[in-house]
Amino acid sequence: LLFLAGVCIAADRKRAVVSLLLGVALLLV
């Protein structure tokens, strides 16, 4: 999931949703 999130963010694909979900997951940890 980290790899896919990174690729989506770098490639600017679904960045808004992916970044939000990643941020929430990291904040929860």
PDB file of all heavy atoms in Angstrom:
ATOM      1  N   LEU A   1       0.828  -1.209   0.000  1.00  0.00           N
ATOM      2  CA  LEU A   1       0.000   0.000   0.000  1.00  0.00           C
ATOM      3  C   LEU A   1       0.862   1.258   0.000  1.00  0.00           C
ATOM      4  O   LEU A   1       0.526   2.250  -0.665  1.00  0.00           O
ATOM      5  CB  LEU A   1      -0.924  -0.006   1.221  1.00  0.00           C
ATOM      6  CG  LEU A   1      -2.036  -1.062   1.197  1.00  0.00           C
ATOM      7  CD1 LEU A   1      -2.827  -1.038   2.507  1.00  0.00           C
ATOM      8  CD2 LEU A   1      -2.975  -0.839   0.012  1.00  0.00           C
ATOM      9  N   LEU A   2       1.971   1.222   0.737  1.00  0.00           N
ATOM     10  CA  LEU A   2       2.897   2.361   0.723  1.00  0.00           C
ATOM     11  C   LEU A   2       3.469   2.585  -0.673  1.00  0.00           C
ATOM     12  O   LEU A   2       3.574   3.722  -1.146  1.00  0.00           O
ATOM     13  CB  LEU A   2       4.037   2.136   1.720  1.00  0.00           C
ATOM     14  CG  LEU A   2       3.740   2.409   3.198  1.00  0.00           C
ATOM     15  CD1 LEU A   2       4.938   2.007   4.048  1.00  0.00           C
ATOM     16  CD2 LEU A   2       3.405   3.876   3.421  1.00  0.00           C
ATOM     17  N   PHE A   3       3.829   1.478  -1.327  1.00  0.00           N
ATOM     18  CA  PHE A   3       4.377   1.592  -2.680  1.00  0.00           C
ATOM     19  C   PHE A   3       3.342   2.183  -3.632  1.00  0.00           C
ATOM     20  O   PHE A   3       3.646   3.110  -4.397  1.00  0.00           O
ATOM     21  CB  PHE A   3       4.820   0.213  -3.172  1.00  0.00           C
ATOM     22  CG  PHE A   3       5.254   0.209  -4.611  1.00  0.00           C
ATOM     23  CD1 PHE A   3       6.486   0.727  -4.975  1.00  0.00           C
ATOM     24  CD2 PHE A   3       4.421  -0.298  -5.591  1.00  0.00           C
ATOM     25  CE1 PHE A   3       6.885   0.743  -6.314  1.00  0.00           C
ATOM     26  CE2 PHE A   3       4.809  -0.285  -6.923  1.00  0.00           C
ATOM     27  CZ  PHE A   3       6.042   0.231  -7.279  1.00  0.00           C
ATOM     28  N   LEU A   4       2.124   1.662  -3.595  1.00  0.00           N
ATOM     29  CA  LEU A   4       1.081   2.157  -4.486  1.00  0.00           C
ATOM     30  C   LEU A   4       0.752   3.621  -4.196  1.00  0.00           C
ATOM     31  O   LEU A   4       0.551   4.421  -5.127  1.00  0.00           O
ATOM     32  CB  LEU A   4      -0.181   1.295  -4.337  1.00  0.00           C
ATOM     33  CG  LEU A   4      -0.081  -0.142  -4.862  1.00  0.00           C
ATOM     34  CD1 LEU A   4      -1.366  -0.902  -4.568  1.00  0.00           C
ATOM     35  CD2 LEU A   4       0.210  -0.143  -6.354  1.00  0.00           C
ATOM     36  N   ALA A   5       0.714   3.975  -2.921  1.00  0.00           N
ATOM     37  CA  ALA A   5       0.439   5.363  -2.555  1.00  0.00           C
ATOM     38  C   ALA A   5       1.533   6.279  -3.083  1.00  0.00           C
ATOM     39  O   ALA A   5       1.255   7.362  -3.630  1.00  0.00           O
ATOM     40  CB  ALA A   5       0.323   5.493  -1.035  1.00  0.00           C
ATOM     41  N   GLY A   6       2.782   5.847  -2.932  1.00  0.00           N
ATOM     42  CA  GLY A   6       3.893   6.653  -3.421  1.00  0.00           C
ATOM     43  C   GLY A   6       3.852   6.855  -4.920  1.00  0.00           C
ATOM     44  O   GLY A   6       4.075   7.963  -5.423  1.00  0.00           O
ATOM     45  N   VAL A   7       3.546   5.790  -5.660  1.00  0.00           N
ATOM     46  CA  VAL A   7       3.464   5.888  -7.123  1.00  0.00           C
ATOM     47  C   VAL A   7       2.334   6.834  -7.534  1.00  0.00           C
ATOM     48  O   VAL A   7       2.501   7.677  -8.428  1.00  0.00           O
ATOM     49  CB  VAL A   7       3.254   4.493  -7.743  1.00  0.00           C
ATOM     50  CG1 VAL A   7       2.946   4.613  -9.234  1.00  0.00           C
ATOM     51  CG2 VAL A   7       4.492   3.630  -7.532  1.00  0.00           C
ATOM     52  N   CYS A   8       1.177   6.701  -6.886  1.00  0.00           N
ATOM     53  CA  CYS A   8       0.040   7.569  -7.211  1.00  0.00           C
ATOM     54  C   CYS A   8       0.369   9.036  -6.942  1.00  0.00           C
ATOM     55  O   CYS A   8       0.023   9.915  -7.736  1.00  0.00           O
ATOM     56  CB  CYS A   8      -1.188   7.155  -6.401  1.00  0.00           C
ATOM     57  SG  CYS A   8      -1.933   5.600  -6.932  1.00  0.00           S
ATOM     58  N   ILE A   9       1.041   9.301  -5.829  1.00  0.00           N
ATOM     59  CA  ILE A   9       1.391  10.678  -5.482  1.00  0.00           C
ATOM     60  C   ILE A   9       2.423  11.234  -6.457  1.00  0.00           C
ATOM     61  O   ILE A   9       2.282  12.353  -6.953  1.00  0.00           O
ATOM     62  CB  ILE A   9       1.924  10.745  -4.037  1.00  0.00           C
ATOM     63  CG1 ILE A   9       0.785  10.464  -3.054  1.00  0.00           C
ATOM     64  CG2 ILE A   9       2.542  12.110  -3.744  1.00  0.00           C
ATOM     65  CD1 ILE A   9       1.231  10.319  -1.612  1.00  0.00           C
ATOM     66  N   ALA A  10       3.459  10.455  -6.743  1.00  0.00           N
ATOM     67  CA  ALA A  10       4.506  10.919  -7.650  1.00  0.00           C
ATOM     68  C   ALA A  10       3.975  11.137  -9.062  1.00  0.00           C
ATOM     69  O   ALA A  10       4.359  12.090  -9.747  1.00  0.00           O
ATOM     70  CB  ALA A  10       5.664   9.927  -7.673  1.00  0.00           C
ATOM     71  N   ALA A  11       3.082  10.241  -9.498  1.00  0.00           N
ATOM     72  CA  ALA A  11       2.532  10.336 -10.845  1.00  0.00           C
ATOM     73  C   ALA A  11       1.316  11.251 -10.916  1.00  0.00           C
ATOM     74  O   ALA A  11       0.751  11.451 -11.991  1.00  0.00           O
ATOM     75  CB  ALA A  11       2.160   8.945 -11.346  1.00  0.00           C
ATOM     76  N   ASP A  12       0.908  11.784  -9.767  1.00  0.00           N
ATOM     77  CA  ASP A  12      -0.255  12.680  -9.699  1.00  0.00           C
ATOM     78  C   ASP A  12      -1.521  12.001 -10.199  1.00  0.00           C
ATOM     79  O   ASP A  12      -2.285  12.562 -10.990  1.00  0.00           O
ATOM     80  CB  ASP A  12       0.003  13.955 -10.494  1.00  0.00           C
ATOM     81  CG  ASP A  12      -0.895  15.107 -10.026  1.00  0.00           C
ATOM     82  OD1 ASP A  12      -1.532  14.963  -8.961  1.00  0.00           O
ATOM     83  OD2 ASP A  12      -0.968  16.130 -10.727  1.00  0.00           O
ATOM     84  N   ARG A  13      -1.745  10.781  -9.724  1.00  0.00           N
ATOM     85  CA  ARG A  13      -2.947  10.019 -10.069  1.00  0.00           C
ATOM     86  C   ARG A  13      -3.752   9.793  -8.790  1.00  0.00           C
ATOM     87  O   ARG A  13      -3.278   9.166  -7.867  1.00  0.00           O
ATOM     88  CB  ARG A  13      -2.577   8.672 -10.699  1.00  0.00           C
ATOM     89  CG  ARG A  13      -1.838   8.778 -12.028  1.00  0.00           C
ATOM     90  CD  ARG A  13      -2.756   9.315 -13.121  1.00  0.00           C
ATOM     91  NE  ARG A  13      -2.102   9.326 -14.424  1.00  0.00           N
ATOM     92  CZ  ARG A  13      -1.421  10.366 -14.901  1.00  0.00           C
ATOM     93  NH1 ARG A  13      -1.292  11.467 -14.163  1.00  0.00           N
ATOM     94  NH2 ARG A  13      -0.862  10.318 -16.093  1.00  0.00           N
ATOM     95  N   LYS A  14      -4.960  10.338  -8.751  1.00  0.00           N
ATOM     96  CA  LYS A  14      -5.806  10.237  -7.551  1.00  0.00           C
ATOM     97  C   LYS A  14      -5.069  10.763  -6.326  1.00  0.00           C
ATOM     98  O   LYS A  14      -5.246  10.266  -5.208  1.00  0.00           O
ATOM     99  CB  LYS A  14      -6.225   8.776  -7.312  1.00  0.00           C
ATOM    100  CG  LYS A  14      -6.940   8.126  -8.467  1.00  0.00           C
ATOM    101  CD  LYS A  14      -8.320   8.710  -8.693  1.00  0.00           C
ATOM    102  CE  LYS A  14      -9.058   7.979  -9.804  1.00  0.00           C
ATOM    103  NZ  LYS A  14     -10.401   8.541 -10.060  1.00  0.00           N
ATOM    104  N   ARG A  15      -4.246  11.781  -6.548  1.00  0.00           N
ATOM    105  CA  ARG A  15      -3.372  12.277  -5.482  1.00  0.00           C
ATOM    106  C   ARG A  15      -4.145  12.761  -4.263  1.00  0.00           C
ATOM    107  O   ARG A  15      -3.751  12.492  -3.124  1.00  0.00           O
ATOM    108  CB  ARG A  15      -2.501  13.414  -6.019  1.00  0.00           C
ATOM    109  CG  ARG A  15      -1.720  14.168  -4.946  1.00  0.00           C
ATOM    110  CD  ARG A  15      -0.808  15.189  -5.566  1.00  0.00           C
ATOM    111  NE  ARG A  15      -1.496  16.098  -6.444  1.00  0.00           N
ATOM    112  CZ  ARG A  15      -2.071  17.227  -6.035  1.00  0.00           C
ATOM    113  NH1 ARG A  15      -2.050  17.555  -4.759  1.00  0.00           N
ATOM    114  NH2 ARG A  15      -2.659  18.030  -6.900  1.00  0.00           N
ATOM    115  N   ALA A  16      -5.235  13.487  -4.466  1.00  0.00           N
ATOM    116  CA  ALA A  16      -5.969  14.073  -3.342  1.00  0.00           C
ATOM    117  C   ALA A  16      -6.489  13.001  -2.391  1.00  0.00           C
ATOM    118  O   ALA A  16      -6.314  13.088  -1.167  1.00  0.00           O
ATOM    119  CB  ALA A  16      -7.118  14.926  -3.865  1.00  0.00           C
ATOM    120  N   VAL A  17      -7.103  11.969  -2.954  1.00  0.00           N
ATOM    121  CA  VAL A  17      -7.671  10.904  -2.121  1.00  0.00           C
ATOM    122  C   VAL A  17      -6.578  10.069  -1.480  1.00  0.00           C
ATOM    123  O   VAL A  17      -6.622   9.773  -0.276  1.00  0.00           O
ATOM    124  CB  VAL A  17      -8.596  10.000  -2.967  1.00  0.00           C
ATOM    125  CG1 VAL A  17      -9.092   8.823  -2.134  1.00  0.00           C
ATOM    126  CG2 VAL A  17      -9.768  10.793  -3.515  1.00  0.00           C
ATOM    127  N   VAL A  18      -5.580   9.696  -2.280  1.00  0.00           N
ATOM    128  CA  VAL A  18      -4.488   8.848  -1.781  1.00  0.00           C
ATOM    129  C   VAL A  18      -3.715   9.559  -0.670  1.00  0.00           C
ATOM    130  O   VAL A  18      -3.401   8.971   0.367  1.00  0.00           O
ATOM    131  CB  VAL A  18      -3.542   8.455  -2.928  1.00  0.00           C
ATOM    132  CG1 VAL A  18      -2.296   7.755  -2.375  1.00  0.00           C
ATOM    133  CG2 VAL A  18      -4.257   7.552  -3.914  1.00  0.00           C
ATOM    134  N   SER A  19      -3.421  10.839  -0.874  1.00  0.00           N
ATOM    135  CA  SER A  19      -2.674  11.597   0.139  1.00  0.00           C
ATOM    136  C   SER A  19      -3.467  11.720   1.431  1.00  0.00           C
ATOM    137  O   SER A  19      -2.903  11.610   2.523  1.00  0.00           O
ATOM    138  CB  SER A  19      -2.337  12.994  -0.399  1.00  0.00           C
ATOM    139  OG  SER A  19      -1.501  12.910  -1.518  1.00  0.00           O
ATOM    140  N   LEU A  20      -4.759  11.930   1.304  1.00  0.00           N
ATOM    141  CA  LEU A  20      -5.603  12.045   2.493  1.00  0.00           C
ATOM    142  C   LEU A  20      -5.625  10.733   3.271  1.00  0.00           C
ATOM    143  O   LEU A  20      -5.459  10.721   4.500  1.00  0.00           O
ATOM    144  CB  LEU A  20      -7.019  12.450   2.093  1.00  0.00           C
ATOM    145  CG  LEU A  20      -8.026  12.616   3.232  1.00  0.00           C
ATOM    146  CD1 LEU A  20      -7.565  13.697   4.203  1.00  0.00           C
ATOM    147  CD2 LEU A  20      -9.410  12.932   2.688  1.00  0.00           C
ATOM    148  N   LEU A  21      -5.821   9.622   2.558  1.00  0.00           N
ATOM    149  CA  LEU A  21      -5.855   8.312   3.221  1.00  0.00           C
ATOM    150  C   LEU A  21      -4.507   7.976   3.850  1.00  0.00           C
ATOM    151  O   LEU A  21      -4.450   7.446   4.970  1.00  0.00           O
ATOM    152  CB  LEU A  21      -6.247   7.236   2.211  1.00  0.00           C
ATOM    153  CG  LEU A  21      -7.682   7.299   1.680  1.00  0.00           C
ATOM    154  CD1 LEU A  21      -7.897   6.221   0.631  1.00  0.00           C
ATOM    155  CD2 LEU A  21      -8.694   7.153   2.813  1.00  0.00           C
ATOM    156  N   LEU A  22      -3.428   8.291   3.146  1.00  0.00           N
ATOM    157  CA  LEU A  22      -2.088   8.032   3.683  1.00  0.00           C
ATOM    158  C   LEU A  22      -1.841   8.867   4.932  1.00  0.00           C
ATOM    159  O   LEU A  22      -1.314   8.359   5.939  1.00  0.00           O
ATOM    160  CB  LEU A  22      -1.030   8.347   2.623  1.00  0.00           C
ATOM    161  CG  LEU A  22       0.436   8.179   3.053  1.00  0.00           C
ATOM    162  CD1 LEU A  22       0.721   6.739   3.446  1.00  0.00           C
ATOM    163  CD2 LEU A  22       1.365   8.622   1.931  1.00  0.00           C
ATOM    164  N   GLY A  23      -2.218  10.129   4.883  1.00  0.00           N
ATOM    165  CA  GLY A  23      -2.036  11.001   6.045  1.00  0.00           C
ATOM    166  C   GLY A  23      -2.820  10.518   7.251  1.00  0.00           C
ATOM    167  O   GLY A  23      -2.306  10.516   8.381  1.00  0.00           O
ATOM    168  N   VAL A  24      -4.059  10.090   7.016  1.00  0.00           N
ATOM    169  CA  VAL A  24      -4.890   9.572   8.119  1.00  0.00           C
ATOM    170  C   VAL A  24      -4.264   8.310   8.708  1.00  0.00           C
ATOM    171  O   VAL A  24      -4.201   8.150   9.932  1.00  0.00           O
ATOM    172  CB  VAL A  24      -6.321   9.279   7.623  1.00  0.00           C
ATOM    173  CG1 VAL A  24      -7.113   8.510   8.670  1.00  0.00           C
ATOM    174  CG2 VAL A  24      -7.045  10.582   7.282  1.00  0.00           C
ATOM    175  N   ALA A  25      -3.778   7.407   7.842  1.00  0.00           N
ATOM    176  CA  ALA A  25      -3.165   6.166   8.321  1.00  0.00           C
ATOM    177  C   ALA A  25      -1.919   6.450   9.164  1.00  0.00           C
ATOM    178  O   ALA A  25      -1.744   5.878  10.251  1.00  0.00           O
ATOM    179  CB  ALA A  25      -2.799   5.280   7.131  1.00  0.00           C
ATOM    180  N   LEU A  26      -1.072   7.349   8.690  1.00  0.00           N
ATOM    181  CA  LEU A  26       0.147   7.685   9.435  1.00  0.00           C
ATOM    182  C   LEU A  26      -0.179   8.383  10.750  1.00  0.00           C
ATOM    183  O   LEU A  26       0.470   8.140  11.775  1.00  0.00           O
ATOM    184  CB  LEU A  26       1.041   8.579   8.573  1.00  0.00           C
ATOM    185  CG  LEU A  26       1.646   7.912   7.329  1.00  0.00           C
ATOM    186  CD1 LEU A  26       2.339   8.937   6.447  1.00  0.00           C
ATOM    187  CD2 LEU A  26       2.624   6.815   7.729  1.00  0.00           C
ATOM    188  N   LEU A  27      -1.188   9.242  10.722  1.00  0.00           N
ATOM    189  CA  LEU A  27      -1.587   9.941  11.943  1.00  0.00           C
ATOM    190  C   LEU A  27      -2.153   8.956  12.967  1.00  0.00           C
ATOM    191  O   LEU A  27      -1.914   9.097  14.172  1.00  0.00           O
ATOM    192  CB  LEU A  27      -2.613  11.026  11.614  1.00  0.00           C
ATOM    193  CG  LEU A  27      -3.041  11.928  12.773  1.00  0.00           C
ATOM    194  CD1 LEU A  27      -1.834  12.682  13.342  1.00  0.00           C
ATOM    195  CD2 LEU A  27      -4.111  12.926  12.305  1.00  0.00           C
ATOM    196  N   LEU A  28      -2.898   7.949  12.495  1.00  0.00           N
ATOM    197  CA  LEU A  28      -3.442   6.937  13.399  1.00  0.00           C
ATOM    198  C   LEU A  28      -2.323   6.116  14.039  1.00  0.00           C
ATOM    199  O   LEU A  28      -2.391   5.785  15.230  1.00  0.00           O
ATOM    200  CB  LEU A  28      -4.404   6.020  12.643  1.00  0.00           C
ATOM    201  CG  LEU A  28      -5.777   6.609  12.306  1.00  0.00           C
ATOM    202  CD1 LEU A  28      -6.587   5.629  11.461  1.00  0.00           C
ATOM    203  CD2 LEU A  28      -6.548   6.965  13.585  1.00  0.00           C
ATOM    204  N   VAL A  29      -1.298   5.797  13.250  1.00  0.00           N
ATOM    205  CA  VAL A  29      -0.153   5.061  13.810  1.00  0.00           C
ATOM    206  C   VAL A  29       0.523   5.902  14.894  1.00  0.00           C
ATOM    207  O   VAL A  29       0.905   5.388  15.948  1.00  0.00           O
ATOM    208  CB  VAL A  29       0.864   4.709  12.708  1.00  0.00           C
ATOM    209  CG1 VAL A  29       2.137   4.120  13.320  1.00  0.00           C
ATOM    210  CG2 VAL A  29       0.259   3.723  11.726  1.00  0.00           C
TER     211      VAL A  29
END
